[in-house]
């Protein structure tokens, strides 16, 4: 069964280990700017959100690519860029609604998550489990459980104050 990469920003601590692991695996050096996952932070609010390609069901990056260099990998369900066909027009990066495609510092190539051939390294190293690679049907169950936990906590606090 194919899986999806799920980001839970409430669990992210901002440790950026996902970036380090990704860049080490993909680039063979610790260079977070080359990671396929980028942790965006709002320091004043203490919020960290891992931004990574969500492998959209209808990927706008694929639609806007004039060279048809972007396709879905049938084995991993990842949206991948064929570097031999890509001409570097960067339309995919401009149109991605979440910023899941980056341009390297030399503007010579595009960088995006390809799910590490179906076993994302970032997930393996994410200790707070802000990144998960799960079966799509489990997403609903996971969300319901989280909502139930929050509601239960709210009830406990409400009852304790009365």
C-alpha atoms as a PDB file:
ATOM      1  CA  UNK A   1       0.000   0.000   0.000  1.00  0.00           C
ATOM      2  CA  UNK A   2       1.245   3.484  -0.846  1.00  0.00           C
ATOM      3  CA  UNK A   3       1.840   5.914   1.973  1.00  0.00           C
ATOM      4  CA  UNK A   4       1.656   9.664   2.443  1.00  0.00           C
ATOM      5  CA  UNK A   5       3.990  12.026   4.255  1.00  0.00           C
ATOM      6  CA  UNK A   6       2.127  13.793   7.046  1.00  0.00           C
ATOM      7  CA  UNK A   7       3.355  16.903   8.859  1.00  0.00           C
ATOM      8  CA  UNK A   8       2.134  17.569  12.406  1.00  0.00           C
ATOM      9  CA  UNK A   9       3.350  21.084  13.261  1.00  0.00           C
ATOM     10  CA  UNK A  10       2.160  20.767  16.852  1.00  0.00           C
ATOM     11  CA  UNK A  11       4.828  18.130  17.458  1.00  0.00           C
ATOM     12  CA  UNK A  12       7.728  19.959  15.771  1.00  0.00           C
ATOM     13  CA  UNK A  13      10.305  21.237  18.283  1.00  0.00           C
ATOM     14  CA  UNK A  14      12.436  23.053  15.719  1.00  0.00           C
ATOM     15  CA  UNK A  15      15.438  20.754  16.216  1.00  0.00           C
ATOM     16  CA  UNK A  16      15.939  20.636  12.425  1.00  0.00           C
ATOM     17  CA  UNK A  17      17.312  17.093  12.580  1.00  0.00           C
ATOM     18  CA  UNK A  18      15.043  16.295   9.617  1.00  0.00           C
ATOM     19  CA  UNK A  19      16.928  18.863   7.511  1.00  0.00           C
ATOM     20  CA  UNK A  20      20.330  17.495   8.532  1.00  0.00           C
ATOM     21  CA  UNK A  21      19.327  13.878   7.885  1.00  0.00           C
ATOM     22  CA  UNK A  22      17.809  14.752   4.508  1.00  0.00           C
ATOM     23  CA  UNK A  23      20.823  16.717   3.285  1.00  0.00           C
ATOM     24  CA  UNK A  24      23.247  14.042   4.501  1.00  0.00           C
ATOM     25  CA  UNK A  25      21.273  11.336   2.727  1.00  0.00           C
ATOM     26  CA  UNK A  26      20.663  13.249  -0.511  1.00  0.00           C
ATOM     27  CA  UNK A  27      23.748  15.473  -0.794  1.00  0.00           C
ATOM     28  CA  UNK A  28      26.263  13.477   1.285  1.00  0.00           C
ATOM     29  CA  UNK A  29      26.934  16.577   3.380  1.00  0.00           C
ATOM     30  CA  UNK A  30      25.213  18.350   6.245  1.00  0.00           C
ATOM     31  CA  UNK A  31      23.803  21.330   4.391  1.00  0.00           C
ATOM     32  CA  UNK A  32      20.254  22.080   5.581  1.00  0.00           C
ATOM     33  CA  UNK A  33      19.786  24.568   2.736  1.00  0.00           C
ATOM     34  CA  UNK A  34      19.902  21.529   0.416  1.00  0.00           C
ATOM     35  CA  UNK A  35      17.351  19.545   2.411  1.00  0.00           C
ATOM     36  CA  UNK A  36      14.069  18.599   0.764  1.00  0.00           C
ATOM     37  CA  UNK A  37      12.322  19.466   4.028  1.00  0.00           C
ATOM     38  CA  UNK A  38      12.716  22.981   5.438  1.00  0.00           C
ATOM     39  CA  UNK A  39      11.670  23.954   8.943  1.00  0.00           C
ATOM     40  CA  UNK A  40      10.012  27.361   8.930  1.00  0.00           C
ATOM     41  CA  UNK A  41       9.967  29.130  12.267  1.00  0.00           C
ATOM     42  CA  UNK A  42       8.043  31.911  13.917  1.00  0.00           C
ATOM     43  CA  UNK A  43      10.291  32.555  16.904  1.00  0.00           C
ATOM     44  CA  UNK A  44       8.002  35.084  18.601  1.00  0.00           C
ATOM     45  CA  UNK A  45       5.234  32.481  18.762  1.00  0.00           C
ATOM     46  CA  UNK A  46       7.541  29.482  19.274  1.00  0.00           C
ATOM     47  CA  UNK A  47       6.067  27.731  16.244  1.00  0.00           C
ATOM     48  CA  UNK A  48       8.061  25.500  13.892  1.00  0.00           C
ATOM     49  CA  UNK A  49       6.558  23.952  10.788  1.00  0.00           C
ATOM     50  CA  UNK A  50       8.347  21.464   8.541  1.00  0.00           C
ATOM     51  CA  UNK A  51       7.606  22.390   4.926  1.00  0.00           C
ATOM     52  CA  UNK A  52       7.945  19.527   2.480  1.00  0.00           C
ATOM     53  CA  UNK A  53       6.325  18.533  -0.804  1.00  0.00           C
ATOM     54  CA  UNK A  54       2.916  17.058  -0.062  1.00  0.00           C
ATOM     55  CA  UNK A  55       2.899  14.987  -3.270  1.00  0.00           C
ATOM     56  CA  UNK A  56      -0.422  16.601  -4.217  1.00  0.00           C
ATOM     57  CA  UNK A  57      -3.160  14.507  -5.761  1.00  0.00           C
ATOM     58  CA  UNK A  58      -3.353  17.054  -8.596  1.00  0.00           C
ATOM     59  CA  UNK A  59       0.138  18.573  -8.572  1.00  0.00           C
ATOM     60  CA  UNK A  60       0.188  22.089 -10.001  1.00  0.00           C
ATOM     61  CA  UNK A  61       3.948  21.710 -10.541  1.00  0.00           C
ATOM     62  CA  UNK A  62       3.276  18.923 -13.027  1.00  0.00           C
ATOM     63  CA  UNK A  63       0.539  20.924 -14.749  1.00  0.00           C
ATOM     64  CA  UNK A  64       2.684  24.048 -15.293  1.00  0.00           C
ATOM     65  CA  UNK A  65       5.848  22.241 -16.415  1.00  0.00           C
ATOM     66  CA  UNK A  66       6.229  23.060 -20.135  1.00  0.00           C
ATOM     67  CA  UNK A  67       8.704  20.200 -20.623  1.00  0.00           C
ATOM     68  CA  UNK A  68       6.582  17.529 -18.894  1.00  0.00           C
ATOM     69  CA  UNK A  69       9.596  16.834 -16.695  1.00  0.00           C
ATOM     70  CA  UNK A  70       7.463  16.241 -13.599  1.00  0.00           C
ATOM     71  CA  UNK A  71       5.695  12.914 -13.125  1.00  0.00           C
ATOM     72  CA  UNK A  72       4.328  10.710 -10.365  1.00  0.00           C
ATOM     73  CA  UNK A  73       6.464   7.700  -9.469  1.00  0.00           C
ATOM     74  CA  UNK A  74       4.062   4.747  -9.570  1.00  0.00           C
ATOM     75  CA  UNK A  75       6.022   2.843  -6.899  1.00  0.00           C
ATOM     76  CA  UNK A  76       6.318   5.539  -4.244  1.00  0.00           C
ATOM     77  CA  UNK A  77       3.517   7.926  -5.289  1.00  0.00           C
ATOM     78  CA  UNK A  78       6.088  10.750  -5.129  1.00  0.00           C
ATOM     79  CA  UNK A  79       6.087  13.584  -7.614  1.00  0.00           C
ATOM     80  CA  UNK A  80       9.564  13.536  -9.170  1.00  0.00           C
ATOM     81  CA  UNK A  81      11.483  15.837 -11.487  1.00  0.00           C
ATOM     82  CA  UNK A  82      13.343  14.264 -14.400  1.00  0.00           C
ATOM     83  CA  UNK A  83      16.575  16.266 -14.311  1.00  0.00           C
ATOM     84  CA  UNK A  84      17.411  15.193 -17.888  1.00  0.00           C
ATOM     85  CA  UNK A  85      14.198  16.745 -19.228  1.00  0.00           C
ATOM     86  CA  UNK A  86      13.948  19.769 -16.898  1.00  0.00           C
ATOM     87  CA  UNK A  87      15.186  23.020 -18.458  1.00  0.00           C
ATOM     88  CA  UNK A  88      15.201  24.922 -15.164  1.00  0.00           C
ATOM     89  CA  UNK A  89      12.411  27.387 -15.944  1.00  0.00           C
ATOM     90  CA  UNK A  90      11.386  27.223 -12.250  1.00  0.00           C
ATOM     91  CA  UNK A  91       7.660  27.496 -12.973  1.00  0.00           C
ATOM     92  CA  UNK A  92       7.074  24.520 -10.679  1.00  0.00           C
ATOM     93  CA  UNK A  93       8.736  26.333  -7.758  1.00  0.00           C
ATOM     94  CA  UNK A  94       6.813  29.536  -8.478  1.00  0.00           C
ATOM     95  CA  UNK A  95       3.426  27.822  -8.594  1.00  0.00           C
ATOM     96  CA  UNK A  96       3.828  25.325  -5.719  1.00  0.00           C
ATOM     97  CA  UNK A  97       1.245  26.503  -3.149  1.00  0.00           C
ATOM     98  CA  UNK A  98       3.276  25.390  -0.121  1.00  0.00           C
ATOM     99  CA  UNK A  99       6.861  26.018  -1.222  1.00  0.00           C
ATOM    100  CA  UNK A 100       7.699  22.338  -1.531  1.00  0.00           C
ATOM    101  CA  UNK A 101      10.175  22.940  -4.362  1.00  0.00           C
ATOM    102  CA  UNK A 102      13.391  24.881  -3.700  1.00  0.00           C
ATOM    103  CA  UNK A 103      16.049  26.279  -5.984  1.00  0.00           C
ATOM    104  CA  UNK A 104      19.675  25.626  -4.985  1.00  0.00           C
ATOM    105  CA  UNK A 105      21.943  28.591  -4.251  1.00  0.00           C
ATOM    106  CA  UNK A 106      23.505  28.504  -7.718  1.00  0.00           C
ATOM    107  CA  UNK A 107      20.017  28.482  -9.313  1.00  0.00           C
ATOM    108  CA  UNK A 108      21.203  25.515 -11.302  1.00  0.00           C
ATOM    109  CA  UNK A 109      18.752  22.871 -10.125  1.00  0.00           C
ATOM    110  CA  UNK A 110      15.491  22.289  -8.353  1.00  0.00           C
ATOM    111  CA  UNK A 111      15.282  20.454  -5.050  1.00  0.00           C
ATOM    112  CA  UNK A 112      12.166  18.599  -3.883  1.00  0.00           C
ATOM    113  CA  UNK A 113      11.213  15.592  -1.826  1.00  0.00           C
ATOM    114  CA  UNK A 114      11.018  12.290  -3.675  1.00  0.00           C
ATOM    115  CA  UNK A 115      10.157  10.317  -0.512  1.00  0.00           C
ATOM    116  CA  UNK A 116      13.633   8.698  -0.549  1.00  0.00           C
ATOM    117  CA  UNK A 117      12.405   5.884  -2.797  1.00  0.00           C
ATOM    118  CA  UNK A 118       9.517   5.192  -0.424  1.00  0.00           C
ATOM    119  CA  UNK A 119      11.328   5.336   2.936  1.00  0.00           C
ATOM    120  CA  UNK A 120      11.780   9.019   3.911  1.00  0.00           C
ATOM    121  CA  UNK A 121      14.918   9.515   5.982  1.00  0.00           C
ATOM    122  CA  UNK A 122      13.480  12.652   7.629  1.00  0.00           C
ATOM    123  CA  UNK A 123      10.717  10.550   9.211  1.00  0.00           C
ATOM    124  CA  UNK A 124      13.234   8.088  10.634  1.00  0.00           C
ATOM    125  CA  UNK A 125      15.132  10.879  12.399  1.00  0.00           C
ATOM    126  CA  UNK A 126      12.149  12.941  13.589  1.00  0.00           C
ATOM    127  CA  UNK A 127      12.055  12.060  17.296  1.00  0.00           C
ATOM    128  CA  UNK A 128       8.992  14.179  18.172  1.00  0.00           C
ATOM    129  CA  UNK A 129       7.169  12.417  15.291  1.00  0.00           C
ATOM    130  CA  UNK A 130       6.198  15.667  13.584  1.00  0.00           C
ATOM    131  CA  UNK A 131       6.840  13.850  10.304  1.00  0.00           C
ATOM    132  CA  UNK A 132       5.146  10.519   9.636  1.00  0.00           C
ATOM    133  CA  UNK A 133       4.878   8.316   6.567  1.00  0.00           C
ATOM    134  CA  UNK A 134       1.571   6.524   6.929  1.00  0.00           C
ATOM    135  CA  UNK A 135      -1.151   4.756   5.001  1.00  0.00           C
ATOM    136  CA  UNK A 136      -3.749   7.324   3.860  1.00  0.00           C
ATOM    137  CA  UNK A 137      -6.586   5.607   5.735  1.00  0.00           C
ATOM    138  CA  UNK A 138      -4.714   6.016   9.030  1.00  0.00           C
ATOM    139  CA  UNK A 139      -4.677   9.796   8.664  1.00  0.00           C
ATOM    140  CA  UNK A 140      -8.368  10.102   9.566  1.00  0.00           C
ATOM    141  CA  UNK A 141      -7.956   7.871  12.612  1.00  0.00           C
ATOM    142  CA  UNK A 142      -4.884   9.804  13.718  1.00  0.00           C
ATOM    143  CA  UNK A 143      -6.701  13.153  13.411  1.00  0.00           C
ATOM    144  CA  UNK A 144      -9.740  11.857  15.312  1.00  0.00           C
ATOM    145  CA  UNK A 145      -7.540  10.547  18.116  1.00  0.00           C
ATOM    146  CA  UNK A 146      -5.736  13.898  18.394  1.00  0.00           C
ATOM    147  CA  UNK A 147      -9.055  15.777  18.460  1.00  0.00           C
ATOM    148  CA  UNK A 148     -10.418  13.422  21.123  1.00  0.00           C
ATOM    149  CA  UNK A 149      -7.304  13.912  23.272  1.00  0.00           C
ATOM    150  CA  UNK A 150      -7.624  17.710  23.026  1.00  0.00           C
ATOM    151  CA  UNK A 151     -11.329  17.572  23.847  1.00  0.00           C
ATOM    152  CA  UNK A 152     -10.677  15.258  26.784  1.00  0.00           C
ATOM    153  CA  UNK A 153      -8.003  17.639  28.095  1.00  0.00           C
ATOM    154  CA  UNK A 154     -10.385  20.578  27.704  1.00  0.00           C
ATOM    155  CA  UNK A 155     -13.083  18.726  29.667  1.00  0.00           C
ATOM    156  CA  UNK A 156     -10.651  17.834  32.439  1.00  0.00           C
ATOM    157  CA  UNK A 157      -9.575  21.464  32.783  1.00  0.00           C
ATOM    158  CA  UNK A 158     -13.168  22.685  32.706  1.00  0.00           C
ATOM    159  CA  UNK A 159     -14.306  20.190  35.342  1.00  0.00           C
ATOM    160  CA  UNK A 160     -11.278  20.923  37.563  1.00  0.00           C
ATOM    161  CA  UNK A 161     -12.149  24.638  37.687  1.00  0.00           C
ATOM    162  CA  UNK A 162     -15.745  23.973  38.864  1.00  0.00           C
END
